[in-house]
Amino acid sequence: MDAYALHYFGSERYHAEEFQDEAYLFVPFAEDYYQAMAQVIQRRWDSWEALR
């Protein structure tokens, strides 16, 4: 996710020309990334479930 890429790389590198607006594609897929995305998905699922 884009917000995770901003956190991972920091603002200066995130906005650098090297990523050309696609920094999230360069975040290494590792266990910490998986866990962070799992938390985001779970929070959004829970929010959606609360609306049903």
N, C-alpha and C. Protein backbone atom coordinates (compact mmCIF):
# COMPACT_ATOMS: atom_id res chain seq x y z
N MET A 1 0.82 -1.17 0.00
CA MET A 1 0.00 0.00 0.00
C MET A 1 0.87 1.24 0.00
N ASP A 2 0.32 2.27 -0.54
CA ASP A 2 1.08 3.50 -0.72
C ASP A 2 1.50 4.13 0.62
N ALA A 3 0.63 4.14 1.61
CA ALA A 3 0.98 4.72 2.91
C ALA A 3 2.12 3.94 3.56
N TYR A 4 2.12 2.63 3.38
CA TYR A 4 3.20 1.80 3.93
C TYR A 4 4.52 2.13 3.24
N ALA A 5 4.48 2.33 1.94
CA ALA A 5 5.69 2.69 1.20
C ALA A 5 6.24 4.02 1.69
N LEU A 6 5.38 4.98 1.94
CA LEU A 6 5.81 6.27 2.47
C LEU A 6 6.49 6.09 3.81
N HIS A 7 5.91 5.30 4.67
CA HIS A 7 6.50 5.02 5.98
C HIS A 7 7.82 4.27 5.83
N TYR A 8 7.87 3.29 4.96
CA TYR A 8 9.04 2.44 4.78
C TYR A 8 10.23 3.22 4.23
N PHE A 9 10.01 4.01 3.19
CA PHE A 9 11.10 4.72 2.53
C PHE A 9 11.38 6.09 3.12
N GLY A 10 10.42 6.69 3.78
CA GLY A 10 10.57 8.06 4.24
C GLY A 10 10.17 9.02 3.15
N SER A 11 9.80 10.21 3.52
CA SER A 11 9.23 11.18 2.59
C SER A 11 10.17 11.55 1.45
N GLU A 12 11.42 11.81 1.77
CA GLU A 12 12.36 12.26 0.74
C GLU A 12 12.55 11.20 -0.34
N ARG A 13 12.83 9.98 0.06
CA ARG A 13 13.04 8.92 -0.94
C ARG A 13 11.74 8.53 -1.62
N TYR A 14 10.65 8.52 -0.89
CA TYR A 14 9.34 8.18 -1.45
C TYR A 14 8.99 9.09 -2.62
N HIS A 15 9.31 10.37 -2.48
CA HIS A 15 8.98 11.35 -3.52
C HIS A 15 10.10 11.52 -4.55
N ALA A 16 11.15 10.72 -4.46
CA ALA A 16 12.26 10.81 -5.40
C ALA A 16 11.84 10.33 -6.79
N GLU A 17 12.55 10.79 -7.77
CA GLU A 17 12.27 10.45 -9.17
C GLU A 17 12.42 8.94 -9.45
N GLU A 18 13.27 8.26 -8.67
CA GLU A 18 13.53 6.84 -8.93
C GLU A 18 12.27 5.98 -8.92
N PHE A 19 11.26 6.36 -8.17
CA PHE A 19 10.05 5.54 -8.07
C PHE A 19 8.97 5.95 -9.07
N GLN A 20 9.02 7.15 -9.58
CA GLN A 20 8.05 7.63 -10.56
C GLN A 20 6.62 7.36 -10.13
N ASP A 21 6.29 7.76 -8.91
CA ASP A 21 4.93 7.65 -8.35
C ASP A 21 4.47 6.22 -8.07
N GLU A 22 5.36 5.27 -8.06
CA GLU A 22 4.98 3.87 -7.82
C GLU A 22 5.86 3.23 -6.75
N ALA A 23 6.14 3.96 -5.68
CA ALA A 23 7.06 3.48 -4.65
C ALA A 23 6.60 2.17 -4.03
N TYR A 24 5.29 1.97 -3.90
CA TYR A 24 4.80 0.76 -3.26
C TYR A 24 5.23 -0.51 -3.98
N LEU A 25 5.57 -0.40 -5.25
CA LEU A 25 6.02 -1.57 -6.00
C LEU A 25 7.42 -2.01 -5.61
N PHE A 26 8.16 -1.16 -4.90
CA PHE A 26 9.53 -1.44 -4.53
C PHE A 26 9.70 -1.84 -3.07
N VAL A 27 8.61 -1.93 -2.34
CA VAL A 27 8.69 -2.38 -0.94
C VAL A 27 8.94 -3.88 -0.96
N PRO A 28 9.98 -4.35 -0.27
CA PRO A 28 10.25 -5.78 -0.27
C PRO A 28 9.11 -6.56 0.40
N PHE A 29 8.73 -7.65 -0.21
CA PHE A 29 7.69 -8.50 0.36
C PHE A 29 8.34 -9.39 1.41
N ALA A 30 8.13 -9.05 2.66
CA ALA A 30 8.71 -9.79 3.78
C ALA A 30 7.63 -9.96 4.83
N GLU A 31 7.95 -10.67 5.88
CA GLU A 31 6.97 -10.96 6.93
C GLU A 31 6.40 -9.70 7.56
N ASP A 32 7.24 -8.69 7.81
CA ASP A 32 6.74 -7.47 8.43
C ASP A 32 5.76 -6.74 7.50
N TYR A 33 6.01 -6.76 6.21
CA TYR A 33 5.08 -6.17 5.25
C TYR A 33 3.77 -6.95 5.26
N TYR A 34 3.86 -8.26 5.24
CA TYR A 34 2.66 -9.10 5.27
C TYR A 34 1.82 -8.81 6.51
N GLN A 35 2.46 -8.73 7.66
CA GLN A 35 1.73 -8.48 8.91
C GLN A 35 1.07 -7.10 8.90
N ALA A 36 1.78 -6.10 8.39
CA ALA A 36 1.21 -4.75 8.33
C ALA A 36 -0.01 -4.73 7.41
N MET A 37 0.08 -5.38 6.26
CA MET A 37 -1.05 -5.41 5.33
C MET A 37 -2.21 -6.24 5.88
N ALA A 38 -1.91 -7.29 6.60
CA ALA A 38 -2.96 -8.11 7.22
C ALA A 38 -3.74 -7.29 8.24
N GLN A 39 -3.06 -6.42 8.98
CA GLN A 39 -3.74 -5.56 9.94
C GLN A 39 -4.65 -4.56 9.24
N VAL A 40 -4.17 -3.98 8.15
CA VAL A 40 -4.99 -3.02 7.39
C VAL A 40 -6.23 -3.72 6.85
N ILE A 41 -6.05 -4.88 6.27
CA ILE A 41 -7.17 -5.63 5.71
C ILE A 41 -8.17 -5.99 6.80
N GLN A 42 -7.67 -6.43 7.95
CA GLN A 42 -8.57 -6.80 9.05
C GLN A 42 -9.36 -5.60 9.55
N ARG A 43 -8.71 -4.45 9.71
CA ARG A 43 -9.42 -3.24 10.16
C ARG A 43 -10.50 -2.84 9.16
N ARG A 44 -10.17 -2.90 7.90
CA ARG A 44 -11.16 -2.51 6.88
C ARG A 44 -12.30 -3.51 6.82
N TRP A 45 -12.00 -4.78 6.98
CA TRP A 45 -13.04 -5.82 7.01
C TRP A 45 -13.97 -5.58 8.19
N ASP A 46 -13.38 -5.32 9.35
CA ASP A 46 -14.17 -5.07 10.55
C ASP A 46 -15.06 -3.85 10.38
N SER A 47 -14.55 -2.79 9.77
CA SER A 47 -15.36 -1.59 9.52
C SER A 47 -16.52 -1.92 8.58
N TRP A 48 -16.24 -2.67 7.56
CA TRP A 48 -17.28 -3.04 6.61
C TRP A 48 -18.34 -3.92 7.29
N GLU A 49 -17.90 -4.86 8.09
CA GLU A 49 -18.82 -5.75 8.80
C GLU A 49 -19.73 -4.95 9.73
N ALA A 50 -19.19 -3.91 10.35
CA ALA A 50 -19.99 -3.11 11.28
C ALA A 50 -21.11 -2.36 10.56
N LEU A 51 -20.95 -2.10 9.28
CA LEU A 51 -21.95 -1.39 8.50
C LEU A 51 -23.08 -2.30 8.01
N ARG A 52 -22.87 -3.57 8.02
CA ARG A 52 -23.87 -4.51 7.49
C ARG A 52 -25.04 -4.67 8.43
